[in-house]
């Protein structure tokens, strides 16, 4: 190989690797209805950049916001609020069954 082709080969390789490193990921759907508006905006921004960006953001802010990937990826609750009933509060049921 001559000197000029030896100089061009690494440059072409570097440009090819740089182009593939910044390939865009598909946006991720997240549920941010239960978050503060400022945190929700940041989560939405990173989710639009892809899963890798979202994971990195959540990992770096885990101590501040206490969020995990499962917290923002779970689907929204589509049940009617009137249909959701709390559990029975018979706290001494186990004591009655023991007798």
PDB file of N, CA and C in Angstrom:
ATOM      1  N   UNK A   1       0.843  -1.178   0.000  1.00  0.00           N
ATOM      2  CA  UNK A   1       0.000   0.000   0.000  1.00  0.00           C
ATOM      3  C   UNK A   1       0.890   1.244   0.000  1.00  0.00           C
ATOM      4  N   UNK A   2       0.446   2.216  -0.705  1.00  0.00           N
ATOM      5  CA  UNK A   2       1.218   3.448  -0.691  1.00  0.00           C
ATOM      6  C   UNK A   2       0.794   4.323   0.486  1.00  0.00           C
ATOM      7  N   UNK A   3       1.530   5.383   0.694  1.00  0.00           N
ATOM      8  CA  UNK A   3       1.349   6.230   1.873  1.00  0.00           C
ATOM      9  C   UNK A   3      -0.029   6.897   1.905  1.00  0.00           C
ATOM     10  N   UNK A   4      -0.541   7.351   0.792  1.00  0.00           N
ATOM     11  CA  UNK A   4      -1.816   8.058   0.770  1.00  0.00           C
ATOM     12  C   UNK A   4      -2.967   7.111   1.140  1.00  0.00           C
ATOM     13  N   UNK A   5      -2.969   5.913   0.610  1.00  0.00           N
ATOM     14  CA  UNK A   5      -4.042   4.973   0.951  1.00  0.00           C
ATOM     15  C   UNK A   5      -3.945   4.541   2.408  1.00  0.00           C
ATOM     16  N   UNK A   6      -2.743   4.503   2.966  1.00  0.00           N
ATOM     17  CA  UNK A   6      -2.592   4.161   4.381  1.00  0.00           C
ATOM     18  C   UNK A   6      -3.132   5.279   5.278  1.00  0.00           C
ATOM     19  N   UNK A   7      -3.134   6.504   4.787  1.00  0.00           N
ATOM     20  CA  UNK A   7      -3.687   7.618   5.563  1.00  0.00           C
ATOM     21  C   UNK A   7      -5.213   7.676   5.443  1.00  0.00           C
ATOM     22  N   UNK A   8      -5.736   7.326   4.289  1.00  0.00           N
ATOM     23  CA  UNK A   8      -7.176   7.403   4.073  1.00  0.00           C
ATOM     24  C   UNK A   8      -7.940   6.258   4.740  1.00  0.00           C
ATOM     25  N   UNK A   9      -7.358   5.099   4.825  1.00  0.00           N
ATOM     26  CA  UNK A   9      -8.050   3.933   5.378  1.00  0.00           C
ATOM     27  C   UNK A   9      -8.501   4.157   6.824  1.00  0.00           C
ATOM     28  N   UNK A  10      -7.633   4.630   7.735  1.00  0.00           N
ATOM     29  CA  UNK A  10      -8.111   4.866   9.107  1.00  0.00           C
ATOM     30  C   UNK A  10      -9.151   5.989   9.195  1.00  0.00           C
ATOM     31  N   UNK A  11      -9.024   6.996   8.333  1.00  0.00           N
ATOM     32  CA  UNK A  11      -9.983   8.098   8.358  1.00  0.00           C
ATOM     33  C   UNK A  11     -11.364   7.618   7.918  1.00  0.00           C
ATOM     34  N   UNK A  12     -11.411   6.808   6.877  1.00  0.00           N
ATOM     35  CA  UNK A  12     -12.687   6.267   6.407  1.00  0.00           C
ATOM     36  C   UNK A  12     -13.292   5.355   7.473  1.00  0.00           C
ATOM     37  N   UNK A  13     -12.465   4.544   8.099  1.00  0.00           N
ATOM     38  CA  UNK A  13     -12.940   3.662   9.156  1.00  0.00           C
ATOM     39  C   UNK A  13     -13.488   4.470  10.338  1.00  0.00           C
ATOM     40  N   UNK A  14     -12.794   5.538  10.717  1.00  0.00           N
ATOM     41  CA  UNK A  14     -13.241   6.368  11.847  1.00  0.00           C
ATOM     42  C   UNK A  14     -14.576   7.037  11.540  1.00  0.00           C
ATOM     43  N   UNK A  15     -14.748   7.542  10.318  1.00  0.00           N
ATOM     44  CA  UNK A  15     -16.018   8.165   9.946  1.00  0.00           C
ATOM     45  C   UNK A  15     -17.157   7.143   9.912  1.00  0.00           C
ATOM     46  N   UNK A  16     -16.861   5.950   9.460  1.00  0.00           N
ATOM     47  CA  UNK A  16     -17.887   4.908   9.414  1.00  0.00           C
ATOM     48  C   UNK A  16     -18.315   4.502  10.823  1.00  0.00           C
ATOM     49  N   UNK A  17     -17.371   4.386  11.742  1.00  0.00           N
ATOM     50  CA  UNK A  17     -17.695   4.022  13.113  1.00  0.00           C
ATOM     51  C   UNK A  17     -18.431   5.152  13.826  1.00  0.00           C
ATOM     52  N   UNK A  18     -18.065   6.379  13.548  1.00  0.00           N
ATOM     53  CA  UNK A  18     -18.735   7.519  14.174  1.00  0.00           C
ATOM     54  C   UNK A  18     -20.179   7.607  13.698  1.00  0.00           C
ATOM     55  N   UNK A  19     -20.418   7.327  12.456  1.00  0.00           N
ATOM     56  CA  UNK A  19     -21.773   7.364  11.921  1.00  0.00           C
ATOM     57  C   UNK A  19     -22.657   6.277  12.500  1.00  0.00           C
ATOM     58  N   UNK A  20     -22.095   5.106  12.729  1.00  0.00           N
ATOM     59  CA  UNK A  20     -22.901   4.017  13.278  1.00  0.00           C
ATOM     60  C   UNK A  20     -23.100   4.161  14.778  1.00  0.00           C
ATOM     61  N   UNK A  21     -22.202   4.866  15.457  1.00  0.00           N
ATOM     62  CA  UNK A  21     -22.329   5.037  16.901  1.00  0.00           C
ATOM     63  C   UNK A  21     -23.492   5.952  17.255  1.00  0.00           C
ATOM     64  N   UNK A  22     -23.832   6.885  16.393  1.00  0.00           N
ATOM     65  CA  UNK A  22     -24.894   7.837  16.676  1.00  0.00           C
ATOM     66  C   UNK A  22     -26.198   7.475  15.967  1.00  0.00           C
ATOM     67  N   UNK A  23     -26.364   6.221  15.636  1.00  0.00           N
ATOM     68  CA  UNK A  23     -27.610   5.828  14.992  1.00  0.00           C
ATOM     69  C   UNK A  23     -28.753   5.988  15.986  1.00  0.00           C
ATOM     70  N   UNK A  24     -29.845   6.493  15.511  1.00  0.00           N
ATOM     71  CA  UNK A  24     -30.974   6.809  16.379  1.00  0.00           C
ATOM     72  C   UNK A  24     -31.720   5.537  16.771  1.00  0.00           C
ATOM     73  N   UNK A  25     -32.109   5.484  18.030  1.00  0.00           N
ATOM     74  CA  UNK A  25     -32.941   4.385  18.507  1.00  0.00           C
ATOM     75  C   UNK A  25     -34.406   4.787  18.386  1.00  0.00           C
ATOM     76  N   UNK A  26     -35.244   3.823  18.403  1.00  0.00           N
ATOM     77  CA  UNK A  26     -36.684   4.091  18.328  1.00  0.00           C
ATOM     78  C   UNK A  26     -37.157   4.699  19.650  1.00  0.00           C
ATOM     79  N   UNK A  27     -38.085   5.647  19.604  1.00  0.00           N
ATOM     80  CA  UNK A  27     -38.621   6.212  20.841  1.00  0.00           C
ATOM     81  C   UNK A  27     -39.368   5.164  21.661  1.00  0.00           C
ATOM     82  N   UNK A  28     -39.421   5.386  22.962  1.00  0.00           N
ATOM     83  CA  UNK A  28     -40.029   4.441  23.886  1.00  0.00           C
ATOM     84  C   UNK A  28     -41.275   5.093  24.490  1.00  0.00           C
ATOM     85  N   UNK A  29     -42.353   4.334  24.592  1.00  0.00           N
ATOM     86  CA  UNK A  29     -43.566   4.833  25.227  1.00  0.00           C
ATOM     87  C   UNK A  29     -43.419   4.716  26.747  1.00  0.00           C
ATOM     88  N   UNK A  30     -43.708   5.803  27.458  1.00  0.00           N
ATOM     89  CA  UNK A  30     -43.613   5.797  28.914  1.00  0.00           C
ATOM     90  C   UNK A  30     -44.887   6.365  29.521  1.00  0.00           C
ATOM     91  N   UNK A  31     -45.145   5.991  30.759  1.00  0.00           N
ATOM     92  CA  UNK A  31     -46.297   6.483  31.510  1.00  0.00           C
ATOM     93  C   UNK A  31     -45.766   7.451  32.563  1.00  0.00           C
ATOM     94  N   UNK A  32     -46.003   8.750  32.367  1.00  0.00           N
ATOM     95  CA  UNK A  32     -45.485   9.759  33.287  1.00  0.00           C
ATOM     96  C   UNK A  32     -46.609  10.519  33.980  1.00  0.00           C
ATOM     97  N   UNK A  33     -47.797   9.978  33.985  1.00  0.00           N
ATOM     98  CA  UNK A  33     -48.936  10.649  34.589  1.00  0.00           C
ATOM     99  C   UNK A  33     -48.813  10.813  36.096  1.00  0.00           C
ATOM    100  N   UNK A  34     -48.042   9.964  36.745  1.00  0.00           N
ATOM    101  CA  UNK A  34     -47.915  10.007  38.199  1.00  0.00           C
ATOM    102  C   UNK A  34     -46.684  10.777  38.668  1.00  0.00           C
ATOM    103  N   UNK A  35     -45.966  11.422  37.736  1.00  0.00           N
ATOM    104  CA  UNK A  35     -44.736  12.127  38.079  1.00  0.00           C
ATOM    105  C   UNK A  35     -44.942  13.635  38.128  1.00  0.00           C
ATOM    106  N   UNK A  36     -44.009  14.326  38.792  1.00  0.00           N
ATOM    107  CA  UNK A  36     -44.018  15.788  38.796  1.00  0.00           C
ATOM    108  C   UNK A  36     -43.757  16.279  37.375  1.00  0.00           C
ATOM    109  N   UNK A  37     -44.263  17.456  37.019  1.00  0.00           N
ATOM    110  CA  UNK A  37     -44.110  17.933  35.634  1.00  0.00           C
ATOM    111  C   UNK A  37     -42.661  18.056  35.166  1.00  0.00           C
ATOM    112  N   UNK A  38     -41.763  18.527  36.017  1.00  0.00           N
ATOM    113  CA  UNK A  38     -40.370  18.678  35.592  1.00  0.00           C
ATOM    114  C   UNK A  38     -39.702  17.321  35.375  1.00  0.00           C
ATOM    115  N   UNK A  39     -39.988  16.377  36.256  1.00  0.00           N
ATOM    116  CA  UNK A  39     -39.421  15.025  36.113  1.00  0.00           C
ATOM    117  C   UNK A  39     -40.044  14.338  34.905  1.00  0.00           C
ATOM    118  N   UNK A  40     -41.349  14.520  34.711  1.00  0.00           N
ATOM    119  CA  UNK A  40     -42.030  13.913  33.570  1.00  0.00           C
ATOM    120  C   UNK A  40     -41.458  14.427  32.254  1.00  0.00           C
ATOM    121  N   UNK A  41     -41.128  15.720  32.196  1.00  0.00           N
ATOM    122  CA  UNK A  41     -40.555  16.282  30.972  1.00  0.00           C
ATOM    123  C   UNK A  41     -39.190  15.673  30.675  1.00  0.00           C
ATOM    124  N   UNK A  42     -38.378  15.490  31.695  1.00  0.00           N
ATOM    125  CA  UNK A  42     -37.053  14.884  31.493  1.00  0.00           C
ATOM    126  C   UNK A  42     -37.166  13.425  31.066  1.00  0.00           C
ATOM    127  N   UNK A  43     -38.081  12.698  31.682  1.00  0.00           N
ATOM    128  CA  UNK A  43     -38.275  11.288  31.310  1.00  0.00           C
ATOM    129  C   UNK A  43     -38.763  11.199  29.865  1.00  0.00           C
ATOM    130  N   UNK A  44     -39.701  12.061  29.483  1.00  0.00           N
ATOM    131  CA  UNK A  44     -40.200  12.078  28.102  1.00  0.00           C
ATOM    132  C   UNK A  44     -39.078  12.405  27.122  1.00  0.00           C
ATOM    133  N   UNK A  45     -38.222  13.360  27.480  1.00  0.00           N
ATOM    134  CA  UNK A  45     -37.124  13.752  26.592  1.00  0.00           C
ATOM    135  C   UNK A  45     -36.182  12.576  26.347  1.00  0.00           C
ATOM    136  N   UNK A  46     -35.825  11.880  27.409  1.00  0.00           N
ATOM    137  CA  UNK A  46     -34.902  10.748  27.260  1.00  0.00           C
ATOM    138  C   UNK A  46     -35.589   9.548  26.610  1.00  0.00           C
ATOM    139  N   UNK A  47     -36.884   9.387  26.831  1.00  0.00           N
ATOM    140  CA  UNK A  47     -37.608   8.291  26.187  1.00  0.00           C
ATOM    141  C   UNK A  47     -37.703   8.521  24.682  1.00  0.00           C
ATOM    142  N   UNK A  48     -37.773   9.776  24.259  1.00  0.00           N
ATOM    143  CA  UNK A  48     -37.827  10.052  22.820  1.00  0.00           C
ATOM    144  C   UNK A  48     -36.492   9.778  22.149  1.00  0.00           C
ATOM    145  N   UNK A  49     -35.406   9.737  22.927  1.00  0.00           N
ATOM    146  CA  UNK A  49     -34.087   9.447  22.370  1.00  0.00           C
ATOM    147  C   UNK A  49     -33.800   7.952  22.321  1.00  0.00           C
ATOM    148  N   UNK A  50     -34.589   7.148  23.002  1.00  0.00           N
ATOM    149  CA  UNK A  50     -34.424   5.703  22.925  1.00  0.00           C
ATOM    150  C   UNK A  50     -34.274   5.059  24.289  1.00  0.00           C
ATOM    151  N   UNK A  51     -34.250   3.734  24.291  1.00  0.00           N
ATOM    152  CA  UNK A  51     -34.187   2.960  25.525  1.00  0.00           C
ATOM    153  C   UNK A  51     -32.865   3.158  26.262  1.00  0.00           C
ATOM    154  N   UNK A  52     -31.769   3.252  25.543  1.00  0.00           N
ATOM    155  CA  UNK A  52     -30.471   3.416  26.190  1.00  0.00           C
ATOM    156  C   UNK A  52     -30.410   4.730  26.948  1.00  0.00           C
ATOM    157  N   UNK A  53     -30.869   5.801  26.327  1.00  0.00           N
ATOM    158  CA  UNK A  53     -30.870   7.100  26.983  1.00  0.00           C
ATOM    159  C   UNK A  53     -31.776   7.098  28.209  1.00  0.00           C
ATOM    160  N   UNK A  54     -32.932   6.473  28.097  1.00  0.00           N
ATOM    161  CA  UNK A  54     -33.863   6.402  29.227  1.00  0.00           C
ATOM    162  C   UNK A  54     -33.259   5.619  30.382  1.00  0.00           C
ATOM    163  N   UNK A  55     -32.633   4.485  30.101  1.00  0.00           N
ATOM    164  CA  UNK A  55     -32.014   3.685  31.151  1.00  0.00           C
ATOM    165  C   UNK A  55     -30.908   4.464  31.848  1.00  0.00           C
ATOM    166  N   UNK A  56     -30.078   5.138  31.074  1.00  0.00           N
ATOM    167  CA  UNK A  56     -28.981   5.916  31.660  1.00  0.00           C
ATOM    168  C   UNK A  56     -29.510   7.040  32.530  1.00  0.00           C
ATOM    169  N   UNK A  57     -30.547   7.735  32.080  1.00  0.00           N
ATOM    170  CA  UNK A  57     -31.118   8.829  32.859  1.00  0.00           C
ATOM    171  C   UNK A  57     -31.700   8.316  34.174  1.00  0.00           C
ATOM    172  N   UNK A  58     -32.464   7.241  34.105  1.00  0.00           N
ATOM    173  CA  UNK A  58     -33.075   6.707  35.315  1.00  0.00           C
ATOM    174  C   UNK A  58     -32.024   6.182  36.287  1.00  0.00           C
ATOM    175  N   UNK A  59     -30.961   5.614  35.762  1.00  0.00           N
ATOM    176  CA  UNK A  59     -29.907   5.096  36.627  1.00  0.00           C
ATOM    177  C   UNK A  59     -29.142   6.231  37.311  1.00  0.00           C
ATOM    178  N   UNK A  60     -28.882   7.325  36.597  1.00  0.00           N
ATOM    179  CA  UNK A  60     -28.132   8.430  37.198  1.00  0.00           C
ATOM    180  C   UNK A  60     -28.974   9.245  38.169  1.00  0.00           C
ATOM    181  N   UNK A  61     -30.286   9.242  38.012  1.00  0.00           N
ATOM    182  CA  UNK A  61     -31.149  10.025  38.904  1.00  0.00           C
ATOM    183  C   UNK A  61     -31.943   9.150  39.869  1.00  0.00           C
ATOM    184  N   UNK A  62     -31.511   7.917  40.056  1.00  0.00           N
ATOM    185  CA  UNK A  62     -32.255   6.993  40.920  1.00  0.00           C
ATOM    186  C   UNK A  62     -32.322   7.499  42.364  1.00  0.00           C
ATOM    187  N   UNK A  63     -31.240   8.076  42.866  1.00  0.00           N
ATOM    188  CA  UNK A  63     -31.235   8.552  44.253  1.00  0.00           C
ATOM    189  C   UNK A  63     -32.077   9.805  44.425  1.00  0.00           C
ATOM    190  N   UNK A  64     -32.165  10.645  43.396  1.00  0.00           N
ATOM    191  CA  UNK A  64     -32.952  11.879  43.514  1.00  0.00           C
ATOM    192  C   UNK A  64     -34.446  11.611  43.385  1.00  0.00           C
ATOM    193  N   UNK A  65     -34.829  10.830  42.391  1.00  0.00           N
ATOM    194  CA  UNK A  65     -36.248  10.651  42.093  1.00  0.00           C
ATOM    195  C   UNK A  65     -36.807   9.304  42.531  1.00  0.00           C
ATOM    196  N   UNK A  66     -35.947   8.337  42.777  1.00  0.00           N
ATOM    197  CA  UNK A  66     -36.411   7.020  43.209  1.00  0.00           C
ATOM    198  C   UNK A  66     -37.172   6.269  42.132  1.00  0.00           C
ATOM    199  N   UNK A  67     -36.822   6.489  40.876  1.00  0.00           N
ATOM    200  CA  UNK A  67     -37.531   5.842  39.767  1.00  0.00           C
ATOM    201  C   UNK A  67     -36.716   4.687  39.203  1.00  0.00           C
ATOM    202  N   UNK A  68     -37.396   3.650  38.847  1.00  0.00           N
ATOM    203  CA  UNK A  68     -36.794   2.535  38.127  1.00  0.00           C
ATOM    204  C   UNK A  68     -37.464   2.450  36.761  1.00  0.00           C
ATOM    205  N   UNK A  69     -36.918   1.643  35.899  1.00  0.00           N
ATOM    206  CA  UNK A  69     -37.461   1.502  34.554  1.00  0.00           C
ATOM    207  C   UNK A  69     -38.895   0.969  34.604  1.00  0.00           C
ATOM    208  N   UNK A  70     -39.176   0.081  35.535  1.00  0.00           N
ATOM    209  CA  UNK A  70     -40.516  -0.482  35.652  1.00  0.00           C
ATOM    210  C   UNK A  70     -41.551   0.570  36.058  1.00  0.00           C
ATOM    211  N   UNK A  71     -41.112   1.599  36.774  1.00  0.00           N
ATOM    212  CA  UNK A  71     -42.037   2.642  37.220  1.00  0.00           C
ATOM    213  C   UNK A  71     -42.582   3.469  36.071  1.00  0.00           C
ATOM    214  N   UNK A  72     -41.786   3.684  35.045  1.00  0.00           N
ATOM    215  CA  UNK A  72     -42.234   4.511  33.922  1.00  0.00           C
ATOM    216  C   UNK A  72     -42.687   3.689  32.723  1.00  0.00           C
ATOM    217  N   UNK A  73     -42.403   2.397  32.717  1.00  0.00           N
ATOM    218  CA  UNK A  73     -42.792   1.549  31.593  1.00  0.00           C
ATOM    219  C   UNK A  73     -44.132   0.842  31.809  1.00  0.00           C
ATOM    220  N   UNK A  74     -44.648   0.835  33.037  1.00  0.00           N
ATOM    221  CA  UNK A  74     -45.905   0.126  33.283  1.00  0.00           C
ATOM    222  C   UNK A  74     -47.056   0.867  32.604  1.00  0.00           C
ATOM    223  N   UNK A  75     -48.030   0.145  32.124  1.00  0.00           N
ATOM    224  CA  UNK A  75     -49.166   0.800  31.452  1.00  0.00           C
ATOM    225  C   UNK A  75     -50.024   1.567  32.440  1.00  0.00           C
ATOM    226  N   UNK A  76     -50.728   2.539  31.936  1.00  0.00           N
ATOM    227  CA  UNK A  76     -51.619   3.333  32.777  1.00  0.00           C
ATOM    228  C   UNK A  76     -52.806   2.482  33.222  1.00  0.00           C
ATOM    229  N   UNK A  77     -53.332   2.778  34.391  1.00  0.00           N
ATOM    230  CA  UNK A  77     -54.493   2.059  34.916  1.00  0.00           C
ATOM    231  C   UNK A  77     -55.728   2.570  34.184  1.00  0.00           C
ATOM    232  N   UNK A  78     -56.376   1.709  33.434  1.00  0.00           N
ATOM    233  CA  UNK A  78     -57.519   2.113  32.623  1.00  0.00           C
ATOM    234  C   UNK A  78     -58.849   1.758  33.289  1.00  0.00           C
ATOM    235  N   UNK A  79     -58.786   1.270  34.511  1.00  0.00           N
ATOM    236  CA  UNK A  79     -60.030   0.921  35.203  1.00  0.00           C
ATOM    237  C   UNK A  79     -60.773   2.179  35.622  1.00  0.00           C
ATOM    238  N   UNK A  80     -62.055   2.046  35.759  1.00  0.00           N
ATOM    239  CA  UNK A  80     -62.878   3.138  36.260  1.00  0.00           C
ATOM    240  C   UNK A  80     -62.583   3.306  37.748  1.00  0.00           C
ATOM    241  N   UNK A  81     -62.310   4.532  38.217  1.00  0.00           N
ATOM    242  CA  UNK A  81     -61.999   4.713  39.640  1.00  0.00           C
ATOM    243  C   UNK A  81     -63.100   4.222  40.577  1.00  0.00           C
ATOM    244  N   UNK A  82     -64.345   4.246  40.118  1.00  0.00           N
ATOM    245  CA  UNK A  82     -65.437   3.764  40.962  1.00  0.00           C
ATOM    246  C   UNK A  82     -65.427   2.246  41.077  1.00  0.00           C
ATOM    247  N   UNK A  83     -64.839   1.575  40.103  1.00  0.00           N
ATOM    248  CA  UNK A  83     -64.803   0.116  40.114  1.00  0.00           C
ATOM    249  C   UNK A  83     -63.694  -0.433  41.014  1.00  0.00           C
ATOM    250  N   UNK A  84     -62.761   0.409  41.406  1.00  0.00           N
ATOM    251  CA  UNK A  84     -61.658  -0.036  42.258  1.00  0.00           C
ATOM    252  C   UNK A  84     -62.134  -0.006  43.707  1.00  0.00           C
ATOM    253  N   UNK A  85     -62.162  -1.140  44.321  1.00  0.00           N
ATOM    254  CA  UNK A  85     -62.618  -1.216  45.713  1.00  0.00           C
ATOM    255  C   UNK A  85     -61.448  -1.588  46.604  1.00  0.00           C
ATOM    256  N   UNK A  86     -61.348  -0.963  47.761  1.00  0.00           N
ATOM    257  CA  UNK A  86     -60.260  -1.321  48.678  1.00  0.00           C
ATOM    258  C   UNK A  86     -60.501  -2.697  49.280  1.00  0.00           C
ATOM    259  N   UNK A  87     -59.470  -3.336  49.760  1.00  0.00           N
ATOM    260  CA  UNK A  87     -59.657  -4.651  50.376  1.00  0.00           C
ATOM    261  C   UNK A  87     -60.429  -4.532  51.695  1.00  0.00           C
ATOM    262  N   UNK A  88     -61.009  -5.635  52.107  1.00  0.00           N
ATOM    263  CA  UNK A  88     -61.751  -5.656  53.366  1.00  0.00           C
ATOM    264  C   UNK A  88     -60.793  -5.418  54.525  1.00  0.00           C
ATOM    265  N   UNK A  89     -61.240  -4.653  55.521  1.00  0.00           N
ATOM    266  CA  UNK A  89     -60.377  -4.306  56.646  1.00  0.00           C
ATOM    267  C   UNK A  89     -60.777  -5.072  57.902  1.00  0.00           C
ATOM    268  N   UNK A  90     -60.896  -6.352  57.773  1.00  0.00           N
ATOM    269  CA  UNK A  90     -61.188  -7.180  58.927  1.00  0.00           C
ATOM    270  C   UNK A  90     -59.855  -7.655  59.492  1.00  0.00           C
ATOM    271  N   UNK A  91     -59.266  -6.799  60.340  1.00  0.00           N
ATOM    272  CA  UNK A  91     -57.913  -7.054  60.817  1.00  0.00           C
ATOM    273  C   UNK A  91     -57.828  -8.235  61.773  1.00  0.00           C
ATOM    274  N   UNK A  92     -58.903  -8.533  62.477  1.00  0.00           N
ATOM    275  CA  UNK A  92     -58.847  -9.588  63.479  1.00  0.00           C
ATOM    276  C   UNK A  92     -59.417 -10.910  62.972  1.00  0.00           C
ATOM    277  N   UNK A  93     -59.547 -11.028  61.665  1.00  0.00           N
ATOM    278  CA  UNK A  93     -60.101 -12.257  61.093  1.00  0.00           C
ATOM    279  C   UNK A  93     -59.229 -13.457  61.442  1.00  0.00           C
ATOM    280  N   UNK A  94     -57.916 -13.287  61.375  1.00  0.00           N
ATOM    281  CA  UNK A  94     -57.027 -14.409  61.688  1.00  0.00           C
ATOM    282  C   UNK A  94     -57.160 -14.828  63.147  1.00  0.00           C
ATOM    283  N   UNK A  95     -57.454 -13.849  64.031  1.00  0.00           N
ATOM    284  CA  UNK A  95     -57.627 -14.184  65.451  1.00  0.00           C
ATOM    285  C   UNK A  95     -58.930 -14.946  65.656  1.00  0.00           C
ATOM    286  N   UNK A  96     -59.959 -14.629  64.920  1.00  0.00           N
ATOM    287  CA  UNK A  96     -61.229 -15.336  65.039  1.00  0.00           C
ATOM    288  C   UNK A  96     -61.116 -16.753  64.488  1.00  0.00           C
ATOM    289  N   UNK A  97     -60.343 -16.903  63.419  1.00  0.00           N
ATOM    290  CA  UNK A  97     -60.176 -18.242  62.839  1.00  0.00           C
ATOM    291  C   UNK A  97     -59.331 -19.140  63.736  1.00  0.00           C
ATOM    292  N   UNK A  98     -58.503 -18.560  64.587  1.00  0.00           N
ATOM    293  CA  UNK A  98     -57.593 -19.338  65.420  1.00  0.00           C
ATOM    294  C   UNK A  98     -58.338 -20.012  66.561  1.00  0.00           C
ATOM    295  N   UNK A  99     -59.413 -19.406  67.026  1.00  0.00           N
ATOM    296  CA  UNK A  99     -60.126 -19.929  68.192  1.00  0.00           C
ATOM    297  C   UNK A  99     -60.804 -21.227  67.913  1.00  0.00           C
TER     298      UNK A  99
END
